Amino acid sequence: KWYRFEKLLNPLRDGGPGRAAWPPLVLFKALLLQSLYGLSDRDLEEALGDRLSFRRFVGLGLEESIPDHTVLSRFRNLLVGEGLMERLFGELDRQVEKAGVILKRGT
């Protein structure tokens, strides 16, 4: 139920001046993949550019650009700094448990 994550991420929507910011939900979904597959920021960037399944999961089309490793790193640091990382992964744990799913790395 991605709307629950969007609600938690809502305070981060304003990217400020400059070019348009990446949607927070796209970046959070990318961080989920990173966590599940044990990827570094650079490996995640490469996988987003290379794997159709990763692009589809995060919500990026084939012709769209991908966030680079610095964007991913800054976003993770922002989540930690705002105290959102634990809340987001707590919500994930609740939803996964309610669905009766068991998550394992790399699967």
PDB file of N, CA and C in Angstrom:
ATOM      1  N   LYS A   1       0.853  -1.169   0.000  1.00  0.00           N
ATOM      2  CA  LYS A   1       0.000   0.000   0.000  1.00  0.00           C
ATOM      3  C   LYS A   1       0.902   1.235   0.000  1.00  0.00           C
ATOM      4  N   TRP A   2       1.311   1.616  -1.216  1.00  0.00           N
ATOM      5  CA  TRP A   2       2.293   2.692  -1.352  1.00  0.00           C
ATOM      6  C   TRP A   2       1.787   4.029  -0.828  1.00  0.00           C
ATOM      7  N   TYR A   3       0.473   4.224  -0.784  1.00  0.00           N
ATOM      8  CA  TYR A   3      -0.042   5.499  -0.300  1.00  0.00           C
ATOM      9  C   TYR A   3       0.375   5.762   1.147  1.00  0.00           C
ATOM     10  N   ARG A   4       0.560   4.706   1.920  1.00  0.00           N
ATOM     11  CA  ARG A   4       1.000   4.897   3.312  1.00  0.00           C
ATOM     12  C   ARG A   4       2.425   5.427   3.374  1.00  0.00           C
ATOM     13  N   PHE A   5       3.262   4.962   2.460  1.00  0.00           N
ATOM     14  CA  PHE A   5       4.637   5.459   2.398  1.00  0.00           C
ATOM     15  C   PHE A   5       4.654   6.902   1.885  1.00  0.00           C
ATOM     16  N   GLU A   6       3.797   7.177   0.891  1.00  0.00           N
ATOM     17  CA  GLU A   6       3.717   8.540   0.370  1.00  0.00           C
ATOM     18  C   GLU A   6       3.311   9.522   1.461  1.00  0.00           C
ATOM     19  N   LYS A   7       2.415   9.108   2.327  1.00  0.00           N
ATOM     20  CA  LYS A   7       1.977   9.967   3.427  1.00  0.00           C
ATOM     21  C   LYS A   7       3.156  10.295   4.352  1.00  0.00           C
ATOM     22  N   LEU A   8       3.985   9.293   4.636  1.00  0.00           N
ATOM     23  CA  LEU A   8       5.162   9.529   5.478  1.00  0.00           C
ATOM     24  C   LEU A   8       6.205  10.388   4.770  1.00  0.00           C
ATOM     25  N   LEU A   9       6.282  10.256   3.450  1.00  0.00           N
ATOM     26  CA  LEU A   9       7.281  10.991   2.663  1.00  0.00           C
ATOM     27  C   LEU A   9       6.820  12.384   2.254  1.00  0.00           C
ATOM     28  N   ASN A  10       5.555  12.697   2.443  1.00  0.00           N
ATOM     29  CA  ASN A  10       4.986  13.972   2.004  1.00  0.00           C
ATOM     30  C   ASN A  10       5.793  15.203   2.408  1.00  0.00           C
ATOM     31  N   PRO A  11       6.321  15.284   3.632  1.00  0.00           N
ATOM     32  CA  PRO A  11       7.082  16.479   4.013  1.00  0.00           C
ATOM     33  C   PRO A  11       8.320  16.718   3.141  1.00  0.00           C
ATOM     34  N   LEU A  12       8.766  15.718   2.396  1.00  0.00           N
ATOM     35  CA  LEU A  12       9.977  15.849   1.586  1.00  0.00           C
ATOM     36  C   LEU A  12       9.684  16.247   0.143  1.00  0.00           C
ATOM     37  N   ARG A  13       8.447  16.486  -0.213  1.00  0.00           N
ATOM     38  CA  ARG A  13       8.074  16.715  -1.621  1.00  0.00           C
ATOM     39  C   ARG A  13       8.660  17.978  -2.229  1.00  0.00           C
ATOM     40  N   ASP A  14       8.869  19.016  -1.478  1.00  0.00           N
ATOM     41  CA  ASP A  14       9.364  20.271  -2.047  1.00  0.00           C
ATOM     42  C   ASP A  14      10.863  20.174  -2.264  1.00  0.00           C
ATOM     43  N   GLY A  15      11.267  20.182  -3.515  1.00  0.00           N
ATOM     44  CA  GLY A  15      12.687  20.091  -3.842  1.00  0.00           C
ATOM     45  C   GLY A  15      13.415  21.418  -3.759  1.00  0.00           C
ATOM     46  N   GLY A  16      12.685  22.521  -3.548  1.00  0.00           N
ATOM     47  CA  GLY A  16      13.307  23.824  -3.470  1.00  0.00           C
ATOM     48  C   GLY A  16      13.623  24.355  -4.861  1.00  0.00           C
ATOM     49  N   PRO A  17      14.450  25.410  -4.924  1.00  0.00           N
ATOM     50  CA  PRO A  17      14.779  25.988  -6.223  1.00  0.00           C
ATOM     51  C   PRO A  17      15.677  25.051  -7.036  1.00  0.00           C
ATOM     52  N   GLY A  18      15.728  25.300  -8.331  1.00  0.00           N
ATOM     53  CA  GLY A  18      16.551  24.447  -9.192  1.00  0.00           C
ATOM     54  C   GLY A  18      15.684  23.476  -9.959  1.00  0.00           C
ATOM     55  N   ARG A  19      16.324  22.453 -10.497  1.00  0.00           N
ATOM     56  CA  ARG A  19      15.552  21.499 -11.301  1.00  0.00           C
ATOM     57  C   ARG A  19      14.637  20.658 -10.415  1.00  0.00           C
ATOM     58  N   ALA A  20      13.646  20.063 -11.045  1.00  0.00           N
ATOM     59  CA  ALA A  20      12.656  19.285 -10.302  1.00  0.00           C
ATOM     60  C   ALA A  20      13.310  18.134  -9.548  1.00  0.00           C
ATOM     61  N   ALA A  21      12.856  17.940  -8.346  1.00  0.00           N
ATOM     62  CA  ALA A  21      13.397  16.863  -7.516  1.00  0.00           C
ATOM     63  C   ALA A  21      12.783  15.528  -7.927  1.00  0.00           C
ATOM     64  N   TRP A  22      13.484  14.459  -7.608  1.00  0.00           N
ATOM     65  CA  TRP A  22      12.948  13.115  -7.831  1.00  0.00           C
ATOM     66  C   TRP A  22      11.786  12.899  -6.872  1.00  0.00           C
ATOM     67  N   PRO A  23      10.743  12.221  -7.307  1.00  0.00           N
ATOM     68  CA  PRO A  23       9.659  11.902  -6.374  1.00  0.00           C
ATOM     69  C   PRO A  23      10.195  11.044  -5.223  1.00  0.00           C
ATOM     70  N   PRO A  24       9.898  11.421  -3.993  1.00  0.00           N
ATOM     71  CA  PRO A  24      10.424  10.666  -2.851  1.00  0.00           C
ATOM     72  C   PRO A  24      10.065   9.179  -2.882  1.00  0.00           C
ATOM     73  N   LEU A  25       8.886   8.836  -3.376  1.00  0.00           N
ATOM     74  CA  LEU A  25       8.506   7.419  -3.412  1.00  0.00           C
ATOM     75  C   LEU A  25       9.398   6.634  -4.371  1.00  0.00           C
ATOM     76  N   VAL A  26       9.780   7.228  -5.488  1.00  0.00           N
ATOM     77  CA  VAL A  26      10.702   6.571  -6.428  1.00  0.00           C
ATOM     78  C   VAL A  26      12.020   6.274  -5.731  1.00  0.00           C
ATOM     79  N   LEU A  27      12.544   7.261  -5.019  1.00  0.00           N
ATOM     80  CA  LEU A  27      13.824   7.072  -4.332  1.00  0.00           C
ATOM     81  C   LEU A  27      13.708   6.064  -3.196  1.00  0.00           C
ATOM     82  N   PHE A  28      12.591   6.096  -2.473  1.00  0.00           N
ATOM     83  CA  PHE A  28      12.416   5.124  -1.395  1.00  0.00           C
ATOM     84  C   PHE A  28      12.340   3.703  -1.945  1.00  0.00           C
ATOM     85  N   LYS A  29      11.603   3.515  -3.039  1.00  0.00           N
ATOM     86  CA  LYS A  29      11.525   2.187  -3.650  1.00  0.00           C
ATOM     87  C   LYS A  29      12.907   1.715  -4.090  1.00  0.00           C
ATOM     88  N   ALA A  30      13.719   2.638  -4.596  1.00  0.00           N
ATOM     89  CA  ALA A  30      15.083   2.282  -4.976  1.00  0.00           C
ATOM     90  C   ALA A  30      15.877   1.829  -3.756  1.00  0.00           C
ATOM     91  N   LEU A  31      15.710   2.521  -2.638  1.00  0.00           N
ATOM     92  CA  LEU A  31      16.413   2.126  -1.412  1.00  0.00           C
ATOM     93  C   LEU A  31      15.938   0.772  -0.897  1.00  0.00           C
ATOM     94  N   LEU A  32      14.672   0.452  -1.121  1.00  0.00           N
ATOM     95  CA  LEU A  32      14.183  -0.882  -0.761  1.00  0.00           C
ATOM     96  C   LEU A  32      14.921  -1.952  -1.553  1.00  0.00           C
ATOM     97  N   LEU A  33      15.041  -1.728  -2.856  1.00  0.00           N
ATOM     98  CA  LEU A  33      15.782  -2.683  -3.693  1.00  0.00           C
ATOM     99  C   LEU A  33      17.227  -2.796  -3.236  1.00  0.00           C
ATOM    100  N   GLN A  34      17.819  -1.668  -2.907  1.00  0.00           N
ATOM    101  CA  GLN A  34      19.204  -1.666  -2.436  1.00  0.00           C
ATOM    102  C   GLN A  34      19.349  -2.516  -1.187  1.00  0.00           C
ATOM    103  N   SER A  35      18.426  -2.371  -0.273  1.00  0.00           N
ATOM    104  CA  SER A  35      18.462  -3.127   0.967  1.00  0.00           C
ATOM    105  C   SER A  35      18.267  -4.621   0.727  1.00  0.00           C
ATOM    106  N   LEU A  36      17.300  -4.961  -0.104  1.00  0.00           N
ATOM    107  CA  LEU A  36      16.990  -6.373  -0.361  1.00  0.00           C
ATOM    108  C   LEU A  36      18.104  -7.091  -1.115  1.00  0.00           C
ATOM    109  N   TYR A  37      18.774  -6.374  -2.008  1.00  0.00           N
ATOM    110  CA  TYR A  37      19.800  -7.004  -2.830  1.00  0.00           C
ATOM    111  C   TYR A  37      21.218  -6.714  -2.354  1.00  0.00           C
ATOM    112  N   GLY A  38      21.372  -5.977  -1.269  1.00  0.00           N
ATOM    113  CA  GLY A  38      22.693  -5.704  -0.712  1.00  0.00           C
ATOM    114  C   GLY A  38      23.594  -4.939  -1.669  1.00  0.00           C
ATOM    115  N   LEU A  39      23.058  -3.896  -2.302  1.00  0.00           N
ATOM    116  CA  LEU A  39      23.795  -3.139  -3.304  1.00  0.00           C
ATOM    117  C   LEU A  39      24.389  -1.858  -2.727  1.00  0.00           C
ATOM    118  N   SER A  40      25.537  -1.467  -3.245  1.00  0.00           N
ATOM    119  CA  SER A  40      26.091  -0.154  -2.914  1.00  0.00           C
ATOM    120  C   SER A  40      25.302   0.893  -3.700  1.00  0.00           C
ATOM    121  N   ASP A  41      25.541   2.158  -3.411  1.00  0.00           N
ATOM    122  CA  ASP A  41      24.851   3.215  -4.149  1.00  0.00           C
ATOM    123  C   ASP A  41      25.181   3.146  -5.641  1.00  0.00           C
ATOM    124  N   ARG A  42      26.445   2.929  -5.950  1.00  0.00           N
ATOM    125  CA  ARG A  42      26.855   2.842  -7.364  1.00  0.00           C
ATOM    126  C   ARG A  42      26.258   1.603  -8.032  1.00  0.00           C
ATOM    127  N   ASP A  43      26.223   0.485  -7.315  1.00  0.00           N
ATOM    128  CA  ASP A  43      25.621  -0.734  -7.875  1.00  0.00           C
ATOM    129  C   ASP A  43      24.126  -0.550  -8.112  1.00  0.00           C
ATOM    130  N   LEU A  44      23.461   0.156  -7.199  1.00  0.00           N
ATOM    131  CA  LEU A  44      22.032   0.428  -7.370  1.00  0.00           C
ATOM    132  C   LEU A  44      21.804   1.303  -8.597  1.00  0.00           C
ATOM    133  N   GLU A  45      22.621   2.327  -8.761  1.00  0.00           N
ATOM    134  CA  GLU A  45      22.510   3.186  -9.939  1.00  0.00           C
ATOM    135  C   GLU A  45      22.656   2.356 -11.215  1.00  0.00           C
ATOM    136  N   GLU A  46      23.645   1.490 -11.230  1.00  0.00           N
ATOM    137  CA  GLU A  46      23.871   0.632 -12.404  1.00  0.00           C
ATOM    138  C   GLU A  46      22.686  -0.303 -12.637  1.00  0.00           C
ATOM    139  N   ALA A  47      22.176  -0.895 -11.572  1.00  0.00           N
ATOM    140  CA  ALA A  47      21.047  -1.823 -11.703  1.00  0.00           C
ATOM    141  C   ALA A  47      19.798  -1.109 -12.206  1.00  0.00           C
ATOM    142  N   LEU A  48      19.560   0.120 -11.749  1.00  0.00           N
ATOM    143  CA  LEU A  48      18.413   0.883 -12.225  1.00  0.00           C
ATOM    144  C   LEU A  48      18.537   1.193 -13.714  1.00  0.00           C
ATOM    145  N   GLY A  49      19.761   1.363 -14.164  1.00  0.00           N
ATOM    146  CA  GLY A  49      19.983   1.621 -15.578  1.00  0.00           C
ATOM    147  C   GLY A  49      19.934   0.371 -16.429  1.00  0.00           C
ATOM    148  N   ASP A  50      20.108  -0.789 -15.795  1.00  0.00           N
ATOM    149  CA  ASP A  50      20.287  -2.037 -16.529  1.00  0.00           C
ATOM    150  C   ASP A  50      19.110  -3.011 -16.421  1.00  0.00           C
ATOM    151  N   ARG A  51      18.411  -3.010 -15.324  1.00  0.00           N
ATOM    152  CA  ARG A  51      17.379  -4.018 -15.074  1.00  0.00           C
ATOM    153  C   ARG A  51      15.970  -3.449 -15.253  1.00  0.00           C
ATOM    154  N   LEU A  52      15.259  -4.032 -16.183  1.00  0.00           N
ATOM    155  CA  LEU A  52      13.886  -3.607 -16.432  1.00  0.00           C
ATOM    156  C   LEU A  52      13.009  -3.813 -15.199  1.00  0.00           C
ATOM    157  N   SER A  53      13.235  -4.906 -14.478  1.00  0.00           N
ATOM    158  CA  SER A  53      12.414  -5.185 -13.289  1.00  0.00           C
ATOM    159  C   SER A  53      12.613  -4.114 -12.214  1.00  0.00           C
ATOM    160  N   PHE A  54      13.836  -3.606 -12.070  1.00  0.00           N
ATOM    161  CA  PHE A  54      14.100  -2.548 -11.094  1.00  0.00           C
ATOM    162  C   PHE A  54      13.401  -1.259 -11.520  1.00  0.00           C
ATOM    163  N   ARG A  55      13.507  -0.927 -12.801  1.00  0.00           N
ATOM    164  CA  ARG A  55      12.869   0.287 -13.308  1.00  0.00           C
ATOM    165  C   ARG A  55      11.355   0.221 -13.092  1.00  0.00           C
ATOM    166  N   ARG A  56      10.777  -0.917 -13.417  1.00  0.00           N
ATOM    167  CA  ARG A  56       9.334  -1.087 -13.270  1.00  0.00           C
ATOM    168  C   ARG A  56       8.924  -0.944 -11.810  1.00  0.00           C
ATOM    169  N   PHE A  57       9.685  -1.562 -10.902  1.00  0.00           N
ATOM    170  CA  PHE A  57       9.348  -1.511  -9.486  1.00  0.00           C
ATOM    171  C   PHE A  57       9.364  -0.082  -8.952  1.00  0.00           C
ATOM    172  N   VAL A  58      10.374   0.691  -9.310  1.00  0.00           N
ATOM    173  CA  VAL A  58      10.459   2.056  -8.779  1.00  0.00           C
ATOM    174  C   VAL A  58       9.549   3.032  -9.512  1.00  0.00           C
ATOM    175  N   GLY A  59       9.053   2.640 -10.694  1.00  0.00           N
ATOM    176  CA  GLY A  59       8.124   3.483 -11.430  1.00  0.00           C
ATOM    177  C   GLY A  59       8.766   4.338 -12.501  1.00  0.00           C
ATOM    178  N   LEU A  60       9.879   3.875 -13.070  1.00  0.00           N
ATOM    179  CA  LEU A  60      10.554   4.615 -14.133  1.00  0.00           C
ATOM    180  C   LEU A  60      10.406   3.883 -15.456  1.00  0.00           C
ATOM    181  N   GLY A  61      10.063   4.620 -16.500  1.00  0.00           N
ATOM    182  CA  GLY A  61       9.959   4.054 -17.828  1.00  0.00           C
ATOM    183  C   GLY A  61      11.327   3.880 -18.467  1.00  0.00           C
ATOM    184  N   LEU A  62      11.342   3.205 -19.592  1.00  0.00           N
ATOM    185  CA  LEU A  62      12.597   2.927 -20.300  1.00  0.00           C
ATOM    186  C   LEU A  62      13.320   4.182 -20.749  1.00  0.00           C
ATOM    187  N   GLU A  63      12.582   5.199 -21.118  1.00  0.00           N
ATOM    188  CA  GLU A  63      13.183   6.420 -21.658  1.00  0.00           C
ATOM    189  C   GLU A  63      13.531   7.445 -20.573  1.00  0.00           C
ATOM    190  N   GLU A  64      13.132   7.178 -19.356  1.00  0.00           N
ATOM    191  CA  GLU A  64      13.384   8.137 -18.278  1.00  0.00           C
ATOM    192  C   GLU A  64      14.800   7.980 -17.737  1.00  0.00           C
ATOM    193  N   SER A  65      15.336   9.095 -17.266  1.00  0.00           N
ATOM    194  CA  SER A  65      16.653   9.032 -16.621  1.00  0.00           C
ATOM    195  C   SER A  65      16.504   8.375 -15.251  1.00  0.00           C
ATOM    196  N   ILE A  66      17.627   8.036 -14.665  1.00  0.00           N
ATOM    197  CA  ILE A  66      17.629   7.388 -13.351  1.00  0.00           C
ATOM    198  C   ILE A  66      18.379   8.266 -12.360  1.00  0.00           C
ATOM    199  N   PRO A  67      18.056   8.159 -11.083  1.00  0.00           N
ATOM    200  CA  PRO A  67      18.815   8.915 -10.083  1.00  0.00           C
ATOM    201  C   PRO A  67      20.229   8.352  -9.978  1.00  0.00           C
ATOM    202  N   ASP A  68      21.210   9.236  -9.850  1.00  0.00           N
ATOM    203  CA  ASP A  68      22.575   8.743  -9.718  1.00  0.00           C
ATOM    204  C   ASP A  68      22.891   8.422  -8.256  1.00  0.00           C
ATOM    205  N   HIS A  69      24.059   7.852  -8.040  1.00  0.00           N
ATOM    206  CA  HIS A  69      24.416   7.379  -6.692  1.00  0.00           C
ATOM    207  C   HIS A  69      24.466   8.504  -5.668  1.00  0.00           C
ATOM    208  N   THR A  70      24.794   9.728  -6.084  1.00  0.00           N
ATOM    209  CA  THR A  70      24.834  10.823  -5.111  1.00  0.00           C
ATOM    210  C   THR A  70      23.427  11.209  -4.666  1.00  0.00           C
ATOM    211  N   VAL A  71      22.470  11.174  -5.585  1.00  0.00           N
ATOM    212  CA  VAL A  71      21.076  11.465  -5.239  1.00  0.00           C
ATOM    213  C   VAL A  71      20.573  10.428  -4.239  1.00  0.00           C
ATOM    214  N   LEU A  72      20.876   9.164  -4.505  1.00  0.00           N
ATOM    215  CA  LEU A  72      20.438   8.084  -3.619  1.00  0.00           C
ATOM    216  C   LEU A  72      21.050   8.218  -2.230  1.00  0.00           C
ATOM    217  N   SER A  73      22.328   8.549  -2.192  1.00  0.00           N
ATOM    218  CA  SER A  73      23.011   8.715  -0.911  1.00  0.00           C
ATOM    219  C   SER A  73      22.445   9.899  -0.124  1.00  0.00           C
ATOM    220  N   ARG A  74      22.254  11.020  -0.801  1.00  0.00           N
ATOM    221  CA  ARG A  74      21.693  12.207  -0.122  1.00  0.00           C
ATOM    222  C   ARG A  74      20.279  11.932   0.385  1.00  0.00           C
ATOM    223  N   PHE A  75      19.494  11.206  -0.405  1.00  0.00           N
ATOM    224  CA  PHE A  75      18.131  10.893   0.018  1.00  0.00           C
ATOM    225  C   PHE A  75      18.137  10.012   1.264  1.00  0.00           C
ATOM    226  N   ARG A  76      18.988   8.998   1.283  1.00  0.00           N
ATOM    227  CA  ARG A  76      19.086   8.137   2.461  1.00  0.00           C
ATOM    228  C   ARG A  76      19.491   8.953   3.682  1.00  0.00           C
ATOM    229  N   ASN A  77      20.475   9.833   3.520  1.00  0.00           N
ATOM    230  CA  ASN A  77      20.917  10.675   4.635  1.00  0.00           C
ATOM    231  C   ASN A  77      19.803  11.601   5.100  1.00  0.00           C
ATOM    232  N   LEU A  78      19.004  12.101   4.166  1.00  0.00           N
ATOM    233  CA  LEU A  78      17.869  12.944   4.527  1.00  0.00           C
ATOM    234  C   LEU A  78      16.844  12.157   5.341  1.00  0.00           C
ATOM    235  N   LEU A  79      16.546  10.935   4.900  1.00  0.00           N
ATOM    236  CA  LEU A  79      15.597  10.102   5.648  1.00  0.00           C
ATOM    237  C   LEU A  79      16.085   9.838   7.064  1.00  0.00           C
ATOM    238  N   VAL A  80      17.355   9.531   7.190  1.00  0.00           N
ATOM    239  CA  VAL A  80      17.922   9.272   8.521  1.00  0.00           C
ATOM    240  C   VAL A  80      17.868  10.542   9.365  1.00  0.00           C
ATOM    241  N   GLY A  81      18.268  11.660   8.768  1.00  0.00           N
ATOM    242  CA  GLY A  81      18.271  12.935   9.492  1.00  0.00           C
ATOM    243  C   GLY A  81      16.894  13.379   9.945  1.00  0.00           C
ATOM    244  N   GLU A  82      15.877  13.064   9.164  1.00  0.00           N
ATOM    245  CA  GLU A  82      14.505  13.434   9.501  1.00  0.00           C
ATOM    246  C   GLU A  82      13.811  12.383  10.374  1.00  0.00           C
ATOM    247  N   GLY A  83      14.509  11.305  10.671  1.00  0.00           N
ATOM    248  CA  GLY A  83      13.923  10.236  11.485  1.00  0.00           C
ATOM    249  C   GLY A  83      12.875   9.421  10.751  1.00  0.00           C
ATOM    250  N   LEU A  84      12.919   9.445   9.423  1.00  0.00           N
ATOM    251  CA  LEU A  84      11.909   8.741   8.635  1.00  0.00           C
ATOM    252  C   LEU A  84      12.297   7.312   8.260  1.00  0.00           C
ATOM    253  N   MET A  85      13.572   7.011   8.252  1.00  0.00           N
ATOM    254  CA  MET A  85      13.999   5.683   7.803  1.00  0.00           C
ATOM    255  C   MET A  85      13.366   4.584   8.657  1.00  0.00           C
ATOM    256  N   GLU A  86      13.424   4.727   9.958  1.00  0.00           N
ATOM    257  CA  GLU A  86      12.845   3.711  10.848  1.00  0.00           C
ATOM    258  C   GLU A  86      11.327   3.635  10.683  1.00  0.00           C
ATOM    259  N   ARG A  87      10.689   4.769  10.516  1.00  0.00           N
ATOM    260  CA  ARG A  87       9.231   4.784  10.349  1.00  0.00           C
ATOM    261  C   ARG A  87       8.825   4.100   9.044  1.00  0.00           C
ATOM    262  N   LEU A  88       9.569   4.369   7.968  1.00  0.00           N
ATOM    263  CA  LEU A  88       9.259   3.772   6.668  1.00  0.00           C
ATOM    264  C   LEU A  88       9.465   2.256   6.684  1.00  0.00           C
ATOM    265  N   PHE A  89      10.587   1.825   7.234  1.00  0.00           N
ATOM    266  CA  PHE A  89      10.837   0.388   7.278  1.00  0.00           C
ATOM    267  C   PHE A  89       9.931  -0.301   8.295  1.00  0.00           C
ATOM    268  N   GLY A  90       9.500   0.425   9.325  1.00  0.00           N
ATOM    269  CA  GLY A  90       8.508  -0.113  10.252  1.00  0.00           C
ATOM    270  C   GLY A  90       7.179  -0.352   9.556  1.00  0.00           C
ATOM    271  N   GLU A  91       6.783   0.597   8.705  1.00  0.00           N
ATOM    272  CA  GLU A  91       5.557   0.438   7.916  1.00  0.00           C
ATOM    273  C   GLU A  91       5.692  -0.752   6.965  1.00  0.00           C
ATOM    274  N   LEU A  92       6.847  -0.895   6.359  1.00  0.00           N
ATOM    275  CA  LEU A  92       7.091  -2.032   5.475  1.00  0.00           C
ATOM    276  C   LEU A  92       6.957  -3.344   6.249  1.00  0.00           C
ATOM    277  N   ASP A  93       7.562  -3.403   7.419  1.00  0.00           N
ATOM    278  CA  ASP A  93       7.474  -4.612   8.246  1.00  0.00           C
ATOM    279  C   ASP A  93       6.023  -4.942   8.591  1.00  0.00           C
ATOM    280  N   ARG A  94       5.229  -3.923   8.947  1.00  0.00           N
ATOM    281  CA  ARG A  94       3.811  -4.138   9.284  1.00  0.00           C
ATOM    282  C   ARG A  94       3.050  -4.699   8.085  1.00  0.00           C
ATOM    283  N   GLN A  95       3.271  -4.114   6.922  1.00  0.00           N
ATOM    284  CA  GLN A  95       2.537  -4.567   5.741  1.00  0.00           C
ATOM    285  C   GLN A  95       2.951  -5.980   5.329  1.00  0.00           C
ATOM    286  N   VAL A  96       4.233  -6.250   5.403  1.00  0.00           N
ATOM    287  CA  VAL A  96       4.737  -7.569   5.015  1.00  0.00           C
ATOM    288  C   VAL A  96       4.220  -8.632   5.978  1.00  0.00           C
ATOM    289  N   GLU A  97       4.264  -8.322   7.267  1.00  0.00           N
ATOM    290  CA  GLU A  97       3.779  -9.267   8.279  1.00  0.00           C
ATOM    291  C   GLU A  97       2.290  -9.534   8.106  1.00  0.00           C
ATOM    292  N   LYS A  98       1.519  -8.473   7.856  1.00  0.00           N
ATOM    293  CA  LYS A  98       0.080  -8.620   7.675  1.00  0.00           C
ATOM    294  C   LYS A  98      -0.245  -9.485   6.452  1.00  0.00           C
ATOM    295  N   ALA A  99       0.596  -9.382   5.420  1.00  0.00           N
ATOM    296  CA  ALA A  99       0.387 -10.161   4.194  1.00  0.00           C
ATOM    297  C   ALA A  99       0.919 -11.593   4.326  1.00  0.00           C
ATOM    298  N   GLY A 100       1.636 -11.864   5.418  1.00  0.00           N
ATOM    299  CA  GLY A 100       2.175 -13.207   5.614  1.00  0.00           C
ATOM    300  C   GLY A 100       3.356 -13.526   4.712  1.00  0.00           C
ATOM    301  N   VAL A 101       4.078 -12.505   4.311  1.00  0.00           N
ATOM    302  CA  VAL A 101       5.225 -12.678   3.421  1.00  0.00           C
ATOM    303  C   VAL A 101       6.510 -12.666   4.233  1.00  0.00           C
ATOM    304  N   ILE A 102       7.462 -13.482   3.785  1.00  0.00           N
ATOM    305  CA  ILE A 102       8.777 -13.501   4.416  1.00  0.00           C
ATOM    306  C   ILE A 102       9.773 -12.975   3.390  1.00  0.00           C
ATOM    307  N   LEU A 103      10.474 -11.872   3.754  1.00  0.00           N
ATOM    308  CA  LEU A 103      11.463 -11.292   2.858  1.00  0.00           C
ATOM    309  C   LEU A 103      12.848 -11.800   3.221  1.00  0.00           C
ATOM    310  N   LYS A 104      13.599 -12.151   2.210  1.00  0.00           N
ATOM    311  CA  LYS A 104      14.985 -12.543   2.395  1.00  0.00           C
ATOM    312  C   LYS A 104      15.826 -11.775   1.406  1.00  0.00           C
ATOM    313  N   ARG A 105      17.064 -11.511   1.770  1.00  0.00           N
ATOM    314  CA  ARG A 105      17.957 -10.774   0.869  1.00  0.00           C
ATOM    315  C   ARG A 105      18.123 -11.491  -0.440  1.00  0.00           C
ATOM    316  N   GLY A 106      18.090 -10.699  -1.518  1.00  0.00           N
ATOM    317  CA  GLY A 106      18.369 -11.225  -2.846  1.00  0.00           C
ATOM    318  C   GLY A 106      17.257 -12.044  -3.474  1.00  0.00           C
ATOM    319  N   THR A 107      16.069 -12.062  -2.845  1.00  0.00           N
ATOM    320  CA  THR A 107      14.971 -12.824  -3.435  1.00  0.00           C
ATOM    321  C   THR A 107      13.786 -11.934  -3.674  1.00  0.00           C
TER     322      THR A 107
END
